[in-house]
C-alpha cells in the first residue's frame, strides 16, 4: 500500500444487493443536501465499487425494454454466473489453466441492475456499426496475421513480452478504461478531491488520473498517454471529465476481452454525479468518428466500497513472464537440434 493511501478507512455500509434496484432513469441528478467539500464543490470522494452482471449490450430477448423486473435482473445474474462457473474446469494435461472463476473473481456476488444493458444510447442498447475505415483497418491487421484490433488482453505471439497485450503486460487494467467497465475482479476506484483537482485511482494496475479543473489547455496533439489527458469541470453537481490524447496502441473502446479500432482520435466524456451517501452515478460517452458511425453512451451506478483500496502490484516481482518465454525458447532449441 502506498504511503498516501495509508489510514484510509471505509465503513462497510453499502449492500451490493441494492444495486438491482438502481436504474439510470430512477436516479435524481443532484446529490443529497450537505454532500459538499469544505471549499464548496460537490463531494464525490470515497472508494466506489462498480461490479455488476448486467451486460454491456442489451440481449435480444429484452429488445425494446428499458427496464427489467427485479426477478428478471436476478435471473440475468444467476445465468451469467452459471455460465462463468461452467467454464471453470480443470485445464487439459500440460496446461496450467487460468484463474478459478469461483475463487478469484467477483462472480460470487451475482447481482445485476434492472436496466437491461450498460449501454443506454443508441436506444437499442447496442454498439453502433464500425466505420468503413475501421473495418478496413481491422481487415488489414487480420491479413497481416494479427488480431482484428490492437488487443489489450491477449497477445499476438510469444516472441517477446512486447508482443503481449497491454493488459497482460500490466500497462493498463482491463476494467479500468477509461471508460471504466465492470470486469472479472478488482472493480474498485477511489476518488480524491482538492481545490482545483480531482484524482481517480483505479485498483486494477493502480493507475491514477490527476484531473485539473482550472480550464487549462489540453496537451499538444503530439503528446500521447496510455490513459489519455483529462480535463475536468463542474456542470452543476456533476463532474464532467473530457479525455483525449490517447495512444494508438489500444482500442477506441475495450471490454475485458475485446477491443475495437484505435484510440488516437478518441474523445471520451465521463460524468460523475453523487446521488446519495452510498451511490455515485457514472456515465460515459465515446466520440470517435474514425471508428464508430455514431457516439454511444453507457451508464451505471457505483456503490460505496466495503474496504480500503489496496495496491494491485500486477507483474511486480512476478517471474511468470520470464519463465514462460524462457521455456518456449528451450522448446524451440530442442526442436531445432532433435533433443528429447
Protein backbone atom coordinates (compact mmCIF):
# COMPACT_ATOMS: atom_id res chain seq x y z
CA UNK A 1 0.00 0.00 0.00
CA UNK A 2 1.40 3.39 -0.90
CA UNK A 3 2.17 5.94 1.84
CA UNK A 4 -0.52 8.40 0.77
CA UNK A 5 -3.17 5.69 0.93
CA UNK A 6 -2.38 4.56 4.49
CA UNK A 7 -5.02 5.23 7.04
CA UNK A 8 -7.91 5.30 4.58
CA UNK A 9 -10.82 3.50 6.19
CA UNK A 10 -14.17 2.97 4.60
CA UNK A 11 -17.08 1.52 6.64
CA UNK A 12 -18.96 -1.46 5.36
CA UNK A 13 -22.24 0.40 4.98
CA UNK A 14 -23.24 -0.47 1.43
CA UNK A 15 -25.18 -3.54 0.45
CA UNK A 16 -24.42 -4.82 -3.03
CA UNK A 17 -27.87 -6.36 -3.35
CA UNK A 18 -29.41 -2.90 -3.54
CA UNK A 19 -27.77 -2.41 -6.94
CA UNK A 20 -30.51 -4.49 -8.52
CA UNK A 21 -32.96 -1.71 -7.64
CA UNK A 22 -30.95 1.11 -9.21
CA UNK A 23 -31.54 2.32 -12.75
CA UNK A 24 -30.35 5.38 -14.55
CA UNK A 25 -33.88 6.80 -15.05
CA UNK A 26 -34.60 6.33 -11.35
CA UNK A 27 -31.64 8.42 -10.16
CA UNK A 28 -32.02 12.03 -9.20
CA UNK A 29 -29.48 14.18 -10.99
CA UNK A 30 -28.50 16.17 -7.89
CA UNK A 31 -26.66 14.94 -4.80
CA UNK A 32 -28.31 14.88 -1.40
CA UNK A 33 -28.05 18.12 0.61
CA UNK A 34 -24.83 18.60 2.54
CA UNK A 35 -22.61 16.37 0.35
CA UNK A 36 -20.09 19.09 -0.42
CA UNK A 37 -16.39 19.61 0.24
CA UNK A 38 -15.16 22.28 2.69
CA UNK A 39 -14.42 24.53 -0.31
CA UNK A 40 -17.92 24.09 -1.75
CA UNK A 41 -17.59 21.54 -4.57
CA UNK A 42 -19.92 18.52 -4.71
CA UNK A 43 -18.25 15.75 -2.70
CA UNK A 44 -17.69 12.57 -4.74
CA UNK A 45 -14.79 11.24 -2.64
CA UNK A 46 -14.53 7.67 -1.46
CA UNK A 47 -13.97 4.11 -2.63
CA UNK A 48 -16.59 3.03 -5.15
CA UNK A 49 -17.45 -0.44 -6.44
CA UNK A 50 -18.81 -0.81 -9.99
CA UNK A 51 -19.27 -4.58 -10.30
CA UNK A 52 -22.46 -5.93 -11.93
CA UNK A 53 -23.51 -8.85 -14.14
CA UNK A 54 -25.52 -6.51 -16.36
CA UNK A 55 -24.15 -6.97 -19.91
CA UNK A 56 -22.65 -4.17 -21.98
CA UNK A 57 -25.17 -4.64 -24.81
CA UNK A 58 -28.88 -5.35 -24.46
CA UNK A 59 -29.73 -9.02 -25.00
CA UNK A 60 -32.09 -9.68 -27.89
CA UNK A 61 -34.63 -11.17 -25.50
CA UNK A 62 -35.04 -7.71 -23.94
CA UNK A 63 -35.29 -5.78 -27.21
CA UNK A 64 -37.44 -2.69 -26.77
CA UNK A 65 -37.21 -2.90 -22.97
CA UNK A 66 -35.71 -0.09 -20.89
CA UNK A 67 -36.49 -1.68 -17.55
CA UNK A 68 -36.42 -5.22 -16.17
CA UNK A 69 -38.27 -6.57 -13.20
CA UNK A 70 -36.24 -7.48 -10.15
CA UNK A 71 -36.93 -11.13 -10.90
CA UNK A 72 -35.62 -10.78 -14.46
CA UNK A 73 -32.49 -8.99 -13.22
CA UNK A 74 -31.88 -11.78 -10.70
CA UNK A 75 -32.23 -14.36 -13.48
CA UNK A 76 -29.70 -12.48 -15.65
CA UNK A 77 -27.20 -12.52 -12.79
CA UNK A 78 -27.72 -16.16 -11.92
CA UNK A 79 -27.43 -17.31 -15.52
CA UNK A 80 -24.31 -15.23 -16.15
CA UNK A 81 -22.73 -16.64 -13.02
CA UNK A 82 -23.64 -20.20 -14.01
CA UNK A 83 -22.15 -19.69 -17.49
CA UNK A 84 -18.88 -18.47 -15.97
CA UNK A 85 -18.65 -21.31 -13.48
CA UNK A 86 -19.35 -23.84 -16.25
CA UNK A 87 -16.03 -22.78 -17.81
CA UNK A 88 -14.24 -23.30 -14.51
CA UNK A 89 -12.98 -26.80 -15.31
CA UNK A 90 -9.55 -28.40 -14.83
CA UNK A 91 -7.16 -27.48 -17.68
CA UNK A 92 -6.04 -30.07 -20.23
CA UNK A 93 -2.88 -32.03 -19.44
CA UNK A 94 0.23 -29.91 -19.83
CA UNK A 95 -1.58 -26.60 -19.32
CA UNK A 96 -1.71 -24.59 -16.12
CA UNK A 97 -5.13 -23.02 -16.68
CA UNK A 98 -6.28 -19.60 -15.53
CA UNK A 99 -7.99 -18.04 -12.57
CA UNK A 100 -10.69 -20.03 -10.87
CA UNK A 101 -13.95 -18.18 -11.51
CA UNK A 102 -15.33 -19.37 -8.18
CA UNK A 103 -12.34 -18.32 -6.08
CA UNK A 104 -10.56 -15.36 -7.66
CA UNK A 105 -13.28 -13.27 -9.29
CA UNK A 106 -16.25 -11.17 -8.18
CA UNK A 107 -18.69 -13.62 -9.68
CA UNK A 108 -19.78 -14.88 -6.29
CA UNK A 109 -21.63 -11.57 -5.97
CA UNK A 110 -24.27 -12.50 -8.52
CA UNK A 111 -26.14 -9.20 -8.91
CA UNK A 112 -27.47 -7.31 -11.91
CA UNK A 113 -29.18 -3.98 -12.49
CA UNK A 114 -32.75 -3.61 -13.62
CA UNK A 115 -31.55 -1.77 -16.71
CA UNK A 116 -31.10 -4.41 -19.43
CA UNK A 117 -27.66 -3.20 -20.56
CA UNK A 118 -24.90 -0.83 -19.55
CA UNK A 119 -25.38 0.98 -22.87
CA UNK A 120 -28.31 3.39 -22.82
CA UNK A 121 -27.70 5.09 -26.19
CA UNK A 122 -28.26 4.15 -29.03
CA UNK A 123 -31.79 3.38 -27.81
CA UNK A 124 -31.48 -0.30 -28.77
CA UNK A 125 -28.65 -0.73 -26.25
CA UNK A 126 -26.21 -1.99 -28.90
CA UNK A 127 -22.81 -0.75 -30.02
CA UNK A 128 -23.15 1.26 -33.25
CA UNK A 129 -21.65 -0.06 -36.51
CA UNK A 130 -17.98 0.48 -37.23
CA UNK A 131 -16.97 2.95 -39.91
CA UNK A 132 -15.67 1.62 -43.26
CA UNK A 133 -12.24 2.94 -42.25
CA UNK A 134 -12.27 0.92 -39.02
CA UNK A 135 -13.42 -2.21 -40.86
CA UNK A 136 -10.65 -1.79 -43.44
CA UNK A 137 -8.04 -1.30 -40.72
CA UNK A 138 -9.22 -4.44 -38.94
CA UNK A 139 -9.12 -6.47 -42.15
CA UNK A 140 -5.59 -5.25 -42.95
CA UNK A 141 -4.40 -6.16 -39.50
CA UNK A 142 -6.01 -9.59 -39.74
CA UNK A 143 -4.48 -10.18 -43.17
CA UNK A 144 -1.06 -9.43 -41.74
CA UNK A 145 -1.53 -12.35 -39.36
CA UNK A 146 -2.68 -10.46 -36.29
CA UNK A 147 -5.88 -9.97 -34.40
CA UNK A 148 -8.56 -7.72 -35.96
CA UNK A 149 -7.66 -4.97 -33.50
CA UNK A 150 -4.82 -3.96 -31.22
CA UNK A 151 -5.68 -6.32 -28.40
CA UNK A 152 -5.48 -5.11 -24.81
CA UNK A 153 -5.71 -8.50 -23.13
CA UNK A 154 -4.25 -11.22 -25.31
CA UNK A 155 -1.01 -11.27 -27.27
CA UNK A 156 -0.05 -11.85 -30.88
CA UNK A 157 2.71 -14.38 -30.36
CA UNK A 158 5.36 -15.48 -27.88
CA UNK A 159 8.41 -13.86 -29.46
CA UNK A 160 8.81 -11.35 -26.66
CA UNK A 161 6.94 -9.54 -23.90
CA UNK A 162 6.34 -6.52 -26.13
CA UNK A 163 4.08 -8.71 -28.30
CA UNK A 164 1.70 -9.49 -25.48
CA UNK A 165 -1.44 -7.44 -24.88
CA UNK A 166 -1.07 -4.27 -22.83
CA UNK A 167 -3.38 -5.51 -20.06
CA UNK A 168 -1.46 -8.79 -19.85
CA UNK A 169 1.72 -6.72 -19.54
CA UNK A 170 0.04 -4.66 -16.78
CA UNK A 171 0.30 -1.40 -18.69
CA UNK A 172 -3.47 -0.93 -18.43
CA UNK A 173 -6.14 -2.63 -16.39
CA UNK A 174 -8.75 -4.49 -18.42
CA UNK A 175 -11.70 -3.00 -16.48
CA UNK A 176 -10.42 0.50 -15.77
CA UNK A 177 -10.56 2.06 -19.21
CA UNK A 178 -11.13 4.84 -19.43
CA UNK A 179 -14.04 4.39 -19.59
CA UNK A 180 -14.50 2.08 -16.64
CA UNK A 181 -16.46 -1.12 -17.26
CA UNK A 182 -17.26 -4.00 -14.89
CA UNK A 183 -14.76 -6.83 -15.32
CA UNK A 184 -13.97 -10.10 -13.60
CA UNK A 185 -12.42 -8.64 -10.46
CA UNK A 186 -10.97 -5.50 -8.81
CA UNK A 187 -13.90 -3.34 -9.88
CA UNK A 188 -12.97 -0.57 -7.49
CA UNK A 189 -11.98 3.06 -7.86
CA UNK A 190 -11.11 5.75 -5.32
CA UNK A 191 -11.90 9.41 -5.94
CA UNK A 192 -9.87 12.17 -4.24
CA UNK A 193 -10.55 15.91 -4.30
CA UNK A 194 -8.58 19.05 -3.54
CA UNK A 195 -9.35 22.63 -4.60
CA UNK A 196 -8.75 22.64 -8.35
CA UNK A 197 -8.08 18.92 -8.85
CA UNK A 198 -9.76 15.51 -8.82
CA UNK A 199 -7.70 12.30 -8.76
CA UNK A 200 -9.07 8.95 -9.91
CA UNK A 201 -7.19 5.95 -8.51
CA UNK A 202 -8.04 2.63 -10.17
CA UNK A 203 -7.41 -0.54 -8.19
CA UNK A 204 -6.54 -2.50 -11.32
CA UNK A 205 -2.86 -1.82 -12.12
CA UNK A 206 -3.04 1.10 -9.60
CA UNK A 207 -3.29 3.72 -12.36
CA UNK A 208 -4.01 7.30 -11.31
CA UNK A 209 -5.55 10.07 -13.38
CA UNK A 210 -4.93 13.56 -11.95
CA UNK A 211 -7.54 15.85 -13.47
CA UNK A 212 -7.15 19.65 -13.31
CA UNK A 213 -10.30 21.75 -13.04
CA UNK A 214 -8.74 25.10 -13.99
CA UNK A 215 -9.67 25.23 -17.70
CA UNK A 216 -6.06 24.83 -18.81
CA UNK A 217 -5.39 23.95 -22.44
CA UNK A 218 -5.14 20.28 -23.42
CA UNK A 219 -1.76 18.72 -24.13
CA UNK A 220 -0.32 19.16 -27.62
CA UNK A 221 -1.53 16.57 -30.08
CA UNK A 222 1.99 15.14 -30.30
CA UNK A 223 1.91 14.09 -26.60
CA UNK A 224 0.14 10.76 -26.17
CA UNK A 225 -0.52 8.80 -22.96
CA UNK A 226 -1.87 5.34 -22.16
CA UNK A 227 -4.86 6.74 -20.26
CA UNK A 228 -5.06 9.94 -22.26
CA UNK A 229 -5.01 13.53 -21.00
CA UNK A 230 -8.01 14.56 -18.90
CA UNK A 231 -9.56 17.95 -18.14
CA UNK A 232 -12.47 18.40 -15.77
CA UNK A 233 -15.19 20.90 -14.95
CA UNK A 234 -18.31 21.08 -12.81
CA UNK A 235 -21.66 21.12 -14.59
CA UNK A 236 -23.91 21.94 -11.66
CA UNK A 237 -23.48 19.00 -9.29
CA UNK A 238 -21.87 16.72 -11.91
CA UNK A 239 -18.14 16.35 -12.54
CA UNK A 240 -17.57 16.24 -16.30
CA UNK A 241 -14.22 14.81 -17.45
CA UNK A 242 -13.10 15.03 -21.08
CA UNK A 243 -10.13 12.88 -22.10
CA UNK A 244 -8.14 12.97 -25.35
CA UNK A 245 -4.54 12.30 -26.43
CA UNK A 246 -4.74 8.51 -26.14
CA UNK A 247 -2.17 6.35 -27.87
CA UNK A 248 -2.99 4.26 -30.94
CA UNK A 249 -1.77 1.14 -29.16
CA UNK A 250 -5.14 0.41 -27.55
CA UNK A 251 -8.64 0.19 -28.90
CA UNK A 252 -11.09 3.02 -29.31
CA UNK A 253 -13.30 1.03 -26.93
CA UNK A 254 -12.35 -2.01 -24.88
CA UNK A 255 -14.01 -4.67 -22.79
CA UNK A 256 -12.16 -7.32 -20.80
CA UNK A 257 -11.74 -9.48 -23.90
CA UNK A 258 -12.34 -7.34 -26.97
CA UNK A 259 -11.17 -4.05 -28.46
CA UNK A 260 -12.30 -2.08 -31.49
CA UNK A 261 -10.39 0.41 -33.60
CA UNK A 262 -7.60 2.58 -32.22
CA UNK A 263 -7.87 5.36 -29.67
CA UNK A 264 -5.77 8.04 -31.37
CA UNK A 265 -8.91 10.02 -32.36
CA UNK A 266 -10.98 9.18 -29.29
CA UNK A 267 -12.65 11.89 -27.22
CA UNK A 268 -14.15 10.39 -24.09
CA UNK A 269 -16.62 12.28 -21.90
CA UNK A 270 -17.31 10.92 -18.39
CA UNK A 271 -19.81 12.22 -15.85
CA UNK A 272 -19.77 11.56 -12.09
CA UNK A 273 -22.84 12.54 -10.04
CA UNK A 274 -23.13 11.89 -6.29
CA UNK A 275 -26.68 10.63 -5.88
CA UNK A 276 -26.67 9.91 -2.14
CA UNK A 277 -24.30 8.84 0.62
CA UNK A 278 -23.95 5.36 -0.91
CA UNK A 279 -24.02 5.98 -4.67
CA UNK A 280 -22.22 7.80 -7.48
CA UNK A 281 -23.84 7.65 -10.92
CA UNK A 282 -21.21 7.08 -13.64
CA UNK A 283 -21.84 7.83 -17.30
CA UNK A 284 -19.53 7.79 -20.30
CA UNK A 285 -19.87 8.81 -23.96
CA UNK A 286 -17.44 7.65 -26.65
CA UNK A 287 -16.83 10.09 -29.52
CA UNK A 288 -14.62 8.59 -32.23
CA UNK A 289 -15.76 9.28 -35.82
CA UNK A 290 -12.77 7.33 -37.13
CA UNK A 291 -14.01 4.09 -35.57
CA UNK A 292 -17.75 4.43 -34.87
CA UNK A 293 -20.57 5.69 -37.08
CA UNK A 294 -22.21 7.44 -34.11
CA UNK A 295 -21.26 8.24 -30.49
CA UNK A 296 -22.59 5.92 -27.80
CA UNK A 297 -23.27 6.23 -24.08
CA UNK A 298 -23.22 3.88 -21.11
CA UNK A 299 -24.40 4.45 -17.56
CA UNK A 300 -24.41 2.54 -14.28
CA UNK A 301 -24.26 3.22 -10.52
CA UNK A 302 -21.16 2.81 -8.39
CA UNK A 303 -21.83 1.82 -4.77
CA UNK A 304 -19.74 2.70 -1.75
CA UNK A 305 -16.94 0.17 -1.30
CA UNK A 306 -16.76 -2.10 1.69
CA UNK A 307 -13.00 -1.93 2.27
CA UNK A 308 -9.97 0.30 1.69
CA UNK A 309 -8.31 0.20 -1.70
CA UNK A 310 -5.12 -1.85 -1.74
CA UNK A 311 -2.27 -1.63 -4.22
CA UNK A 312 -2.56 -4.00 -7.16
CA UNK A 313 1.06 -4.90 -7.90
CA UNK A 314 0.36 -6.95 -11.06
CA UNK A 315 3.69 -8.04 -12.63
CA UNK A 316 5.92 -6.52 -9.96
CA UNK A 317 8.03 -9.38 -8.65
CA UNK A 318 6.25 -11.81 -11.00
CA UNK A 319 8.60 -14.28 -12.69
CA UNK A 320 5.84 -15.93 -14.73
CA UNK A 321 6.50 -13.97 -17.93
CA UNK A 322 10.25 -14.73 -17.82
CA UNK A 323 9.63 -18.40 -17.14
CA UNK A 324 7.05 -18.76 -19.94
CA UNK A 325 9.26 -17.12 -22.54
CA UNK A 326 12.38 -18.98 -21.37
CA UNK A 327 10.52 -22.30 -21.55
CA UNK A 328 9.33 -21.54 -25.09
CA UNK A 329 12.90 -20.75 -26.21
CA UNK A 330 14.16 -24.02 -24.70
CA UNK A 331 11.47 -25.98 -26.58
CA UNK A 332 12.45 -24.25 -29.81
CA UNK A 333 16.15 -25.07 -29.34
CA UNK A 334 15.34 -28.70 -28.60
CA UNK A 335 13.14 -28.92 -31.69
CA UNK A 336 15.94 -27.47 -33.81
CA UNK A 337 18.52 -29.97 -32.58
CA UNK A 338 16.25 -33.02 -32.21
CA UNK A 339 16.95 -33.16 -28.49
CA UNK A 340 14.46 -35.13 -26.39
